[in-house]
Amino acid sequence: MIIGTLGPKGTYSEKAVRQWDDKADLKFYDDIFDTVDALLRKEVDCSIVPIENSLEGSITLTLDLLMEHQLKITGEVVVRIKNCLLSKGNLEDIKIIMSHPQPLSQCRKYIKNNFKGVEIRSDLSTSHAAKLASGSKEIAAIASEESARMYGLNILDENIQDVKENFTRFIVIGKNSPSPTGNDKTSIIVYLEKNRPGALYEILGEFTSKNIDLTKIESRPTKKVLGDYVFYIDIKGHIEDKTIKETLLKIKSKVGMLKILGSYPAAK
């Protein structure tokens, strides 16, 4: 199996792939858009991309791509994030700190308290930042321990995120729908079309009446007009479960659009 993910080597995305399938062949891409596009172009069998972080919330680009394209979620992986400060030099040498925007946000307080006056630069990935840091003692990267080993960097400080319990959820986007396992999740997108009073409450009431557990609900702009939203909803259960299937049929008749993104085993 060939899996597309964010590169270069050493990213948390690669770690997610290894947790999912440690025998797969990997193809690395510069960003989430290219990683998903590789699947659409059939360069890979599936792609694994981040969708939300426990500190910073959802990855909006991933949500938007799920809305824009006919993509199917076939699995999920949760990776514990331990951000480290990596460099060729010492703390006093650092003039630039680089990383992906997510880790920079996750380490906001740490950077502010310890590196006043240091230039902060966003990069495409944590491992790419580490690769650049390997070329200069004045550059530090916020990345993983794996990146330190891969690019020959010193770990100057570890677990530097502002909240120690830090997890990122990745989704597997593929082709084949997994069979029910008894511990599944179904992801959908709902567009109400007419924003009448109580419309969302009415939809959520359908889940409540059937004792269906919602694990996530989030709104995103439709990008058509101000105040127009779609809702991303994760529910416990599989689309083949009778209760889930019947409830979604009821909801479909009451909304402007119901898009089923997939049913898949929930991450442990």
C-alpha atoms as a PDB file:
ATOM      1  CA  MET A   1       0.000   0.000   0.000  1.00  0.00           C
ATOM      2  CA  ILE A   2       1.213   3.527  -0.827  1.00  0.00           C
ATOM      3  CA  ILE A   3       0.156   6.248   1.628  1.00  0.00           C
ATOM      4  CA  GLY A   4       0.494   9.973   1.010  1.00  0.00           C
ATOM      5  CA  THR A   5       1.317  12.290   3.900  1.00  0.00           C
ATOM      6  CA  LEU A   6       3.068  15.511   4.860  1.00  0.00           C
ATOM      7  CA  GLY A   7       6.832  15.538   4.482  1.00  0.00           C
ATOM      8  CA  PRO A   8       9.726  15.492   4.541  1.00  0.00           C
ATOM      9  CA  LYS A   9      10.598  12.562   6.796  1.00  0.00           C
ATOM     10  CA  GLY A  10      10.235  13.128  10.519  1.00  0.00           C
ATOM     11  CA  THR A  11       6.804  14.811  10.651  1.00  0.00           C
ATOM     12  CA  TYR A  12       4.086  13.880  13.104  1.00  0.00           C
ATOM     13  CA  SER A  13       2.107  12.943  10.003  1.00  0.00           C
ATOM     14  CA  GLU A  14       4.684  10.245   9.255  1.00  0.00           C
ATOM     15  CA  LYS A  15       4.290   9.047  12.841  1.00  0.00           C
ATOM     16  CA  ALA A  16       0.521   8.819  12.268  1.00  0.00           C
ATOM     17  CA  VAL A  17       1.114   6.702   9.153  1.00  0.00           C
ATOM     18  CA  ARG A  18       3.413   4.354  11.066  1.00  0.00           C
ATOM     19  CA  GLN A  19       0.783   3.941  13.778  1.00  0.00           C
ATOM     20  CA  TRP A  20      -1.787   3.158  11.102  1.00  0.00           C
ATOM     21  CA  ASP A  21       0.333   0.825   8.949  1.00  0.00           C
ATOM     22  CA  ASP A  22       4.008   0.382   9.763  1.00  0.00           C
ATOM     23  CA  LYS A  23       4.627  -1.603   6.572  1.00  0.00           C
ATOM     24  CA  ALA A  24       3.204   0.907   4.065  1.00  0.00           C
ATOM     25  CA  ASP A  25       5.281   2.736   1.472  1.00  0.00           C
ATOM     26  CA  LEU A  26       5.144   6.512   1.948  1.00  0.00           C
ATOM     27  CA  LYS A  27       5.016   9.381  -0.509  1.00  0.00           C
ATOM     28  CA  PHE A  28       5.687  12.778   1.025  1.00  0.00           C
ATOM     29  CA  TYR A  29       4.038  16.036  -0.039  1.00  0.00           C
ATOM     30  CA  ASP A  30       4.614  19.666   0.870  1.00  0.00           C
ATOM     31  CA  ASP A  31       1.201  20.458   2.332  1.00  0.00           C
ATOM     32  CA  ILE A  32      -2.285  19.124   3.076  1.00  0.00           C
ATOM     33  CA  PHE A  33      -3.669  20.269  -0.277  1.00  0.00           C
ATOM     34  CA  ASP A  34      -1.038  18.346  -2.248  1.00  0.00           C
ATOM     35  CA  THR A  35      -1.452  15.293  -0.015  1.00  0.00           C
ATOM     36  CA  VAL A  36      -5.191  15.138  -0.694  1.00  0.00           C
ATOM     37  CA  ASP A  37      -4.712  15.968  -4.372  1.00  0.00           C
ATOM     38  CA  ALA A  38      -2.361  12.997  -4.688  1.00  0.00           C
ATOM     39  CA  LEU A  39      -5.247  10.718  -3.731  1.00  0.00           C
ATOM     40  CA  LEU A  40      -7.580  12.408  -6.211  1.00  0.00           C
ATOM     41  CA  ARG A  41      -4.952  11.895  -8.928  1.00  0.00           C
ATOM     42  CA  LYS A  42      -4.589   8.234  -7.850  1.00  0.00           C
ATOM     43  CA  GLU A  43      -0.900   8.598  -7.049  1.00  0.00           C
ATOM     44  CA  VAL A  44      -1.481   6.917  -3.677  1.00  0.00           C
ATOM     45  CA  ASP A  45      -3.886   4.331  -2.248  1.00  0.00           C
ATOM     46  CA  CYS A  46      -4.864   6.600   0.633  1.00  0.00           C
ATOM     47  CA  SER A  47      -3.738   9.799   2.339  1.00  0.00           C
ATOM     48  CA  ILE A  48      -3.360  10.618   6.025  1.00  0.00           C
ATOM     49  CA  VAL A  49      -3.757  14.258   7.082  1.00  0.00           C
ATOM     50  CA  PRO A  50      -4.338  16.100  10.379  1.00  0.00           C
ATOM     51  CA  ILE A  51      -7.885  17.247  11.118  1.00  0.00           C
ATOM     52  CA  GLU A  52      -7.776  18.564  14.693  1.00  0.00           C
ATOM     53  CA  ASN A  53      -5.481  19.272  17.616  1.00  0.00           C
ATOM     54  CA  SER A  54      -6.490  19.145  21.266  1.00  0.00           C
ATOM     55  CA  LEU A  55      -4.983  22.610  21.914  1.00  0.00           C
ATOM     56  CA  GLU A  56      -5.567  24.543  18.704  1.00  0.00           C
ATOM     57  CA  GLY A  57      -8.772  22.962  17.388  1.00  0.00           C
ATOM     58  CA  SER A  58      -9.627  21.947  13.842  1.00  0.00           C
ATOM     59  CA  ILE A  59      -7.392  22.135  10.790  1.00  0.00           C
ATOM     60  CA  THR A  60      -9.666  24.271   8.642  1.00  0.00           C
ATOM     61  CA  LEU A  61      -8.012  23.393   5.310  1.00  0.00           C
ATOM     62  CA  THR A  62      -8.749  19.705   5.900  1.00  0.00           C
ATOM     63  CA  LEU A  63     -12.390  20.495   6.713  1.00  0.00           C
ATOM     64  CA  ASP A  64     -12.736  22.605   3.567  1.00  0.00           C
ATOM     65  CA  LEU A  65     -11.240  19.890   1.344  1.00  0.00           C
ATOM     66  CA  LEU A  66     -13.706  17.358   2.755  1.00  0.00           C
ATOM     67  CA  MET A  67     -16.495  19.695   1.725  1.00  0.00           C
ATOM     68  CA  GLU A  68     -15.118  20.533  -1.720  1.00  0.00           C
ATOM     69  CA  HIS A  69     -14.246  17.029  -2.938  1.00  0.00           C
ATOM     70  CA  GLN A  70     -15.770  13.564  -2.965  1.00  0.00           C
ATOM     71  CA  LEU A  71     -13.538  12.130  -0.265  1.00  0.00           C
ATOM     72  CA  LYS A  72     -14.172   9.188   2.037  1.00  0.00           C
ATOM     73  CA  ILE A  73     -12.851   8.922   5.598  1.00  0.00           C
ATOM     74  CA  THR A  74     -11.842   5.303   6.204  1.00  0.00           C
ATOM     75  CA  GLY A  75     -10.004   5.589   9.525  1.00  0.00           C
ATOM     76  CA  GLU A  76      -8.496   7.835  12.168  1.00  0.00           C
ATOM     77  CA  VAL A  77      -5.279   7.938  14.182  1.00  0.00           C
ATOM     78  CA  VAL A  78      -4.535   9.917  17.344  1.00  0.00           C
ATOM     79  CA  VAL A  79      -0.893  10.906  17.886  1.00  0.00           C
ATOM     80  CA  ARG A  80       0.539  12.328  21.091  1.00  0.00           C
ATOM     81  CA  ILE A  81       2.492  15.498  20.337  1.00  0.00           C
ATOM     82  CA  LYS A  82       5.701  16.273  22.214  1.00  0.00           C
ATOM     83  CA  ASN A  83       7.205  19.432  20.774  1.00  0.00           C
ATOM     84  CA  CYS A  84      10.944  19.869  21.210  1.00  0.00           C
ATOM     85  CA  LEU A  85      13.268  22.803  20.590  1.00  0.00           C
ATOM     86  CA  LEU A  86      15.983  21.608  18.214  1.00  0.00           C
ATOM     87  CA  SER A  87      19.155  23.284  16.980  1.00  0.00           C
ATOM     88  CA  LYS A  88      22.756  22.726  15.903  1.00  0.00           C
ATOM     89  CA  GLY A  89      23.832  25.384  18.352  1.00  0.00           C
ATOM     90  CA  ASN A  90      23.021  26.417  21.915  1.00  0.00           C
ATOM     91  CA  LEU A  91      20.199  28.511  23.365  1.00  0.00           C
ATOM     92  CA  GLU A  92      22.262  31.708  23.219  1.00  0.00           C
ATOM     93  CA  ASP A  93      22.931  31.205  19.480  1.00  0.00           C
ATOM     94  CA  ILE A  94      19.262  31.232  18.457  1.00  0.00           C
ATOM     95  CA  LYS A  95      18.083  34.172  16.349  1.00  0.00           C
ATOM     96  CA  ILE A  96      15.274  32.446  14.423  1.00  0.00           C
ATOM     97  CA  ILE A  97      12.681  29.883  15.526  1.00  0.00           C
ATOM     98  CA  MET A  98      10.873  27.969  12.779  1.00  0.00           C
ATOM     99  CA  SER A  99       8.029  25.463  12.667  1.00  0.00           C
ATOM    100  CA  HIS A 100       4.636  24.713  11.198  1.00  0.00           C
ATOM    101  CA  PRO A 101       2.001  27.276  12.354  1.00  0.00           C
ATOM    102  CA  GLN A 102       0.273  24.697  14.596  1.00  0.00           C
ATOM    103  CA  PRO A 103       3.308  23.944  16.848  1.00  0.00           C
ATOM    104  CA  LEU A 104       4.176  27.643  16.938  1.00  0.00           C
ATOM    105  CA  SER A 105       0.694  28.308  18.335  1.00  0.00           C
ATOM    106  CA  GLN A 106       0.925  25.362  20.725  1.00  0.00           C
ATOM    107  CA  CYS A 107       4.180  26.787  22.145  1.00  0.00           C
ATOM    108  CA  ARG A 108       3.130  30.453  22.156  1.00  0.00           C
ATOM    109  CA  LYS A 109       3.728  31.107  25.874  1.00  0.00           C
ATOM    110  CA  TYR A 110       7.007  29.205  25.924  1.00  0.00           C
ATOM    111  CA  ILE A 111       8.384  31.253  23.035  1.00  0.00           C
ATOM    112  CA  LYS A 112       7.182  34.550  24.505  1.00  0.00           C
ATOM    113  CA  ASN A 113       8.669  33.841  27.935  1.00  0.00           C
ATOM    114  CA  ASN A 114      12.036  32.560  26.714  1.00  0.00           C
ATOM    115  CA  PHE A 115      12.811  34.163  23.360  1.00  0.00           C
ATOM    116  CA  LYS A 116      11.882  37.836  23.332  1.00  0.00           C
ATOM    117  CA  GLY A 117      13.269  39.524  20.240  1.00  0.00           C
ATOM    118  CA  VAL A 118      13.835  36.256  18.364  1.00  0.00           C
ATOM    119  CA  GLU A 119      12.350  36.105  14.856  1.00  0.00           C
ATOM    120  CA  ILE A 120       9.524  33.585  14.454  1.00  0.00           C
ATOM    121  CA  ARG A 121       8.988  32.018  11.015  1.00  0.00           C
ATOM    122  CA  SER A 122       6.241  29.692   9.805  1.00  0.00           C
ATOM    123  CA  ASP A 123       7.215  26.730   7.647  1.00  0.00           C
ATOM    124  CA  LEU A 124       5.404  24.037   5.663  1.00  0.00           C
ATOM    125  CA  SER A 125       6.127  21.298   8.219  1.00  0.00           C
ATOM    126  CA  THR A 126       8.005  20.634  11.450  1.00  0.00           C
ATOM    127  CA  SER A 127      10.484  18.340   9.725  1.00  0.00           C
ATOM    128  CA  HIS A 128      11.213  20.864   6.974  1.00  0.00           C
ATOM    129  CA  ALA A 129      11.956  23.427   9.695  1.00  0.00           C
ATOM    130  CA  ALA A 130      14.306  20.899  11.315  1.00  0.00           C
ATOM    131  CA  LYS A 131      16.023  20.311   7.984  1.00  0.00           C
ATOM    132  CA  LEU A 132      16.645  24.059   7.620  1.00  0.00           C
ATOM    133  CA  ALA A 133      17.868  24.284  11.226  1.00  0.00           C
ATOM    134  CA  SER A 134      20.510  21.659  10.468  1.00  0.00           C
ATOM    135  CA  GLY A 135      22.228  24.209   8.240  1.00  0.00           C
ATOM    136  CA  SER A 136      22.699  27.003  10.784  1.00  0.00           C
ATOM    137  CA  LYS A 137      23.366  27.336  14.519  1.00  0.00           C
ATOM    138  CA  GLU A 138      21.268  30.507  14.537  1.00  0.00           C
ATOM    139  CA  ILE A 139      18.080  28.629  13.554  1.00  0.00           C
ATOM    140  CA  ALA A 140      16.046  26.515  15.963  1.00  0.00           C
ATOM    141  CA  ALA A 141      13.108  24.334  14.986  1.00  0.00           C
ATOM    142  CA  ILE A 142      10.136  23.210  16.996  1.00  0.00           C
ATOM    143  CA  ALA A 143       9.702  19.589  15.976  1.00  0.00           C
ATOM    144  CA  SER A 144       9.766  15.994  17.208  1.00  0.00           C
ATOM    145  CA  GLU A 145      12.503  13.879  18.760  1.00  0.00           C
ATOM    146  CA  GLU A 146      12.489  11.862  15.534  1.00  0.00           C
ATOM    147  CA  SER A 147      13.391  15.009  13.582  1.00  0.00           C
ATOM    148  CA  ALA A 148      16.327  15.653  15.923  1.00  0.00           C
ATOM    149  CA  ARG A 149      17.765  12.213  15.196  1.00  0.00           C
ATOM    150  CA  MET A 150      17.036  12.456  11.487  1.00  0.00           C
ATOM    151  CA  TYR A 151      18.706  15.836  10.938  1.00  0.00           C
ATOM    152  CA  GLY A 152      21.482  15.637  13.521  1.00  0.00           C
ATOM    153  CA  LEU A 153      20.121  18.312  15.872  1.00  0.00           C
ATOM    154  CA  ASN A 154      20.493  18.826  19.614  1.00  0.00           C
ATOM    155  CA  ILE A 155      17.364  18.705  21.773  1.00  0.00           C
ATOM    156  CA  LEU A 156      17.693  21.956  23.716  1.00  0.00           C
ATOM    157  CA  ASP A 157      14.341  21.576  25.476  1.00  0.00           C
ATOM    158  CA  GLU A 158      11.507  19.078  25.268  1.00  0.00           C
ATOM    159  CA  ASN A 159       7.752  18.892  25.784  1.00  0.00           C
ATOM    160  CA  ILE A 160       7.614  22.680  25.395  1.00  0.00           C
ATOM    161  CA  GLN A 161       3.955  23.068  24.394  1.00  0.00           C
ATOM    162  CA  ASP A 162       1.941  25.299  26.714  1.00  0.00           C
ATOM    163  CA  VAL A 163      -0.304  22.380  27.775  1.00  0.00           C
ATOM    164  CA  LYS A 164       1.505  19.080  28.312  1.00  0.00           C
ATOM    165  CA  GLU A 165      -1.392  16.850  27.238  1.00  0.00           C
ATOM    166  CA  ASN A 166      -1.277  17.512  23.492  1.00  0.00           C
ATOM    167  CA  PHE A 167      -2.827  15.243  20.861  1.00  0.00           C
ATOM    168  CA  THR A 168      -3.507  15.530  17.138  1.00  0.00           C
ATOM    169  CA  ARG A 169      -6.190  13.515  15.377  1.00  0.00           C
ATOM    170  CA  PHE A 170      -5.399  12.411  11.829  1.00  0.00           C
ATOM    171  CA  ILE A 171      -7.886  11.002   9.328  1.00  0.00           C
ATOM    172  CA  VAL A 172      -7.263   8.318   6.743  1.00  0.00           C
ATOM    173  CA  ILE A 173      -8.834   9.282   3.415  1.00  0.00           C
ATOM    174  CA  GLY A 174      -9.251   6.290   1.140  1.00  0.00           C
ATOM    175  CA  LYS A 175     -11.551   4.362  -1.150  1.00  0.00           C
ATOM    176  CA  ASN A 176     -12.961   1.290   0.593  1.00  0.00           C
ATOM    177  CA  SER A 177     -15.522   1.625   3.392  1.00  0.00           C
ATOM    178  CA  PRO A 178     -14.580  -0.461   6.445  1.00  0.00           C
ATOM    179  CA  SER A 179     -17.099  -2.937   7.828  1.00  0.00           C
ATOM    180  CA  PRO A 180     -18.602  -2.284  11.284  1.00  0.00           C
ATOM    181  CA  THR A 181     -16.337  -3.169  14.218  1.00  0.00           C
ATOM    182  CA  GLY A 182     -18.625  -2.327  17.139  1.00  0.00           C
ATOM    183  CA  ASN A 183     -16.529   0.748  17.959  1.00  0.00           C
ATOM    184  CA  ASP A 184     -17.141   3.034  15.003  1.00  0.00           C
ATOM    185  CA  LYS A 185     -17.622   6.660  14.140  1.00  0.00           C
ATOM    186  CA  THR A 186     -19.563   8.296  11.304  1.00  0.00           C
ATOM    187  CA  SER A 187     -18.700  11.765   9.990  1.00  0.00           C
ATOM    188  CA  ILE A 188     -21.204  13.931   8.119  1.00  0.00           C
ATOM    189  CA  ILE A 189     -21.623  17.482   6.819  1.00  0.00           C
ATOM    190  CA  VAL A 190     -25.003  19.181   7.115  1.00  0.00           C
ATOM    191  CA  TYR A 191     -26.157  22.355   5.354  1.00  0.00           C
ATOM    192  CA  LEU A 192     -29.432  23.756   6.677  1.00  0.00           C
ATOM    193  CA  GLU A 193     -30.005  26.015   3.643  1.00  0.00           C
ATOM    194  CA  LYS A 194     -32.664  28.096   5.417  1.00  0.00           C
ATOM    195  CA  ASN A 195     -31.505  29.538   8.720  1.00  0.00           C
ATOM    196  CA  ARG A 196     -34.878  29.441  10.455  1.00  0.00           C
ATOM    197  CA  PRO A 197     -35.193  29.611  14.274  1.00  0.00           C
ATOM    198  CA  GLY A 198     -34.641  26.205  15.857  1.00  0.00           C
ATOM    199  CA  ALA A 199     -33.413  24.539  12.637  1.00  0.00           C
ATOM    200  CA  LEU A 200     -30.185  23.207  14.120  1.00  0.00           C
ATOM    201  CA  TYR A 201     -31.943  22.241  17.361  1.00  0.00           C
ATOM    202  CA  GLU A 202     -34.438  20.219  15.333  1.00  0.00           C
ATOM    203  CA  ILE A 203     -31.633  18.287  13.635  1.00  0.00           C
ATOM    204  CA  LEU A 204     -29.789  17.619  16.880  1.00  0.00           C
ATOM    205  CA  GLY A 205     -33.070  16.500  18.425  1.00  0.00           C
ATOM    206  CA  GLU A 206     -33.216  13.622  15.945  1.00  0.00           C
ATOM    207  CA  PHE A 207     -29.955  12.282  17.365  1.00  0.00           C
ATOM    208  CA  THR A 208     -31.099  12.835  20.941  1.00  0.00           C
ATOM    209  CA  SER A 209     -34.376  10.986  20.445  1.00  0.00           C
ATOM    210  CA  LYS A 210     -32.465   7.899  19.300  1.00  0.00           C
ATOM    211  CA  ASN A 211     -29.766   8.170  22.009  1.00  0.00           C
ATOM    212  CA  ILE A 212     -27.063   8.688  19.376  1.00  0.00           C
ATOM    213  CA  ASP A 213     -23.926  10.186  20.868  1.00  0.00           C
ATOM    214  CA  LEU A 214     -22.381  13.172  19.078  1.00  0.00           C
ATOM    215  CA  THR A 215     -18.620  13.349  19.597  1.00  0.00           C
ATOM    216  CA  LYS A 216     -18.118  16.600  17.683  1.00  0.00           C
ATOM    217  CA  ILE A 217     -20.064  19.420  16.050  1.00  0.00           C
ATOM    218  CA  GLU A 218     -18.424  22.396  14.376  1.00  0.00           C
ATOM    219  CA  SER A 219     -19.515  25.105  11.962  1.00  0.00           C
ATOM    220  CA  ARG A 220     -17.583  26.382   8.948  1.00  0.00           C
ATOM    221  CA  PRO A 221     -18.518  29.225   6.579  1.00  0.00           C
ATOM    222  CA  THR A 222     -19.893  28.143   3.203  1.00  0.00           C
ATOM    223  CA  LYS A 223     -17.861  31.007   1.666  1.00  0.00           C
ATOM    224  CA  LYS A 224     -20.973  32.152  -0.185  1.00  0.00           C
ATOM    225  CA  VAL A 225     -22.342  34.909   2.053  1.00  0.00           C
ATOM    226  CA  LEU A 226     -21.587  36.147   5.559  1.00  0.00           C
ATOM    227  CA  GLY A 227     -23.429  34.151   8.214  1.00  0.00           C
ATOM    228  CA  ASP A 228     -23.987  31.075   6.023  1.00  0.00           C
ATOM    229  CA  TYR A 229     -22.579  27.868   7.545  1.00  0.00           C
ATOM    230  CA  VAL A 230     -22.241  24.130   7.125  1.00  0.00           C
ATOM    231  CA  PHE A 231     -21.953  21.866  10.172  1.00  0.00           C
ATOM    232  CA  TYR A 232     -19.427  19.066  10.565  1.00  0.00           C
ATOM    233  CA  ILE A 233     -20.761  16.370  12.883  1.00  0.00           C
ATOM    234  CA  ASP A 234     -19.135  13.187  14.209  1.00  0.00           C
ATOM    235  CA  ILE A 235     -21.422  10.556  15.709  1.00  0.00           C
ATOM    236  CA  LYS A 236     -20.821   7.254  17.453  1.00  0.00           C
ATOM    237  CA  GLY A 237     -21.912   4.318  15.344  1.00  0.00           C
ATOM    238  CA  HIS A 238     -21.696   2.960  11.793  1.00  0.00           C
ATOM    239  CA  ILE A 239     -23.816   3.906   8.794  1.00  0.00           C
ATOM    240  CA  GLU A 240     -24.871   0.247   8.544  1.00  0.00           C
ATOM    241  CA  ASP A 241     -26.418   0.404  12.034  1.00  0.00           C
ATOM    242  CA  LYS A 242     -30.190   0.514  11.597  1.00  0.00           C
ATOM    243  CA  THR A 243     -30.680   3.393  14.047  1.00  0.00           C
ATOM    244  CA  ILE A 244     -27.951   5.513  12.425  1.00  0.00           C
ATOM    245  CA  LYS A 245     -29.257   4.829   8.907  1.00  0.00           C
ATOM    246  CA  GLU A 246     -32.872   5.691   9.790  1.00  0.00           C
ATOM    247  CA  THR A 247     -31.876   8.858  11.648  1.00  0.00           C
ATOM    248  CA  LEU A 248     -29.752  10.137   8.778  1.00  0.00           C
ATOM    249  CA  LEU A 249     -32.625   9.509   6.357  1.00  0.00           C
ATOM    250  CA  LYS A 250     -34.895  11.647   8.550  1.00  0.00           C
ATOM    251  CA  ILE A 251     -32.294  14.405   8.729  1.00  0.00           C
ATOM    252  CA  LYS A 252     -31.736  14.333   4.961  1.00  0.00           C
ATOM    253  CA  SER A 253     -35.406  15.234   4.394  1.00  0.00           C
ATOM    254  CA  LYS A 254     -35.078  18.311   6.631  1.00  0.00           C
ATOM    255  CA  VAL A 255     -31.846  19.890   5.368  1.00  0.00           C
ATOM    256  CA  GLY A 256     -30.519  21.426   2.171  1.00  0.00           C
ATOM    257  CA  MET A 257     -27.610  18.976   2.021  1.00  0.00           C
ATOM    258  CA  LEU A 258     -26.398  15.927   3.894  1.00  0.00           C
ATOM    259  CA  LYS A 259     -22.950  14.664   2.940  1.00  0.00           C
ATOM    260  CA  ILE A 260     -21.783  11.403   4.503  1.00  0.00           C
ATOM    261  CA  LEU A 261     -18.002  11.458   4.749  1.00  0.00           C
ATOM    262  CA  GLY A 262     -17.689   7.875   5.940  1.00  0.00           C
ATOM    263  CA  SER A 263     -17.983   5.331   8.739  1.00  0.00           C
ATOM    264  CA  TYR A 264     -14.760   3.969  10.204  1.00  0.00           C
ATOM    265  CA  PRO A 265     -13.214   2.424  13.328  1.00  0.00           C
ATOM    266  CA  ALA A 266     -12.793   4.966  16.117  1.00  0.00           C
ATOM    267  CA  ALA A 267      -9.233   5.492  17.314  1.00  0.00           C
ATOM    268  CA  LYS A 268      -8.368   3.853  20.614  1.00  0.00           C
END
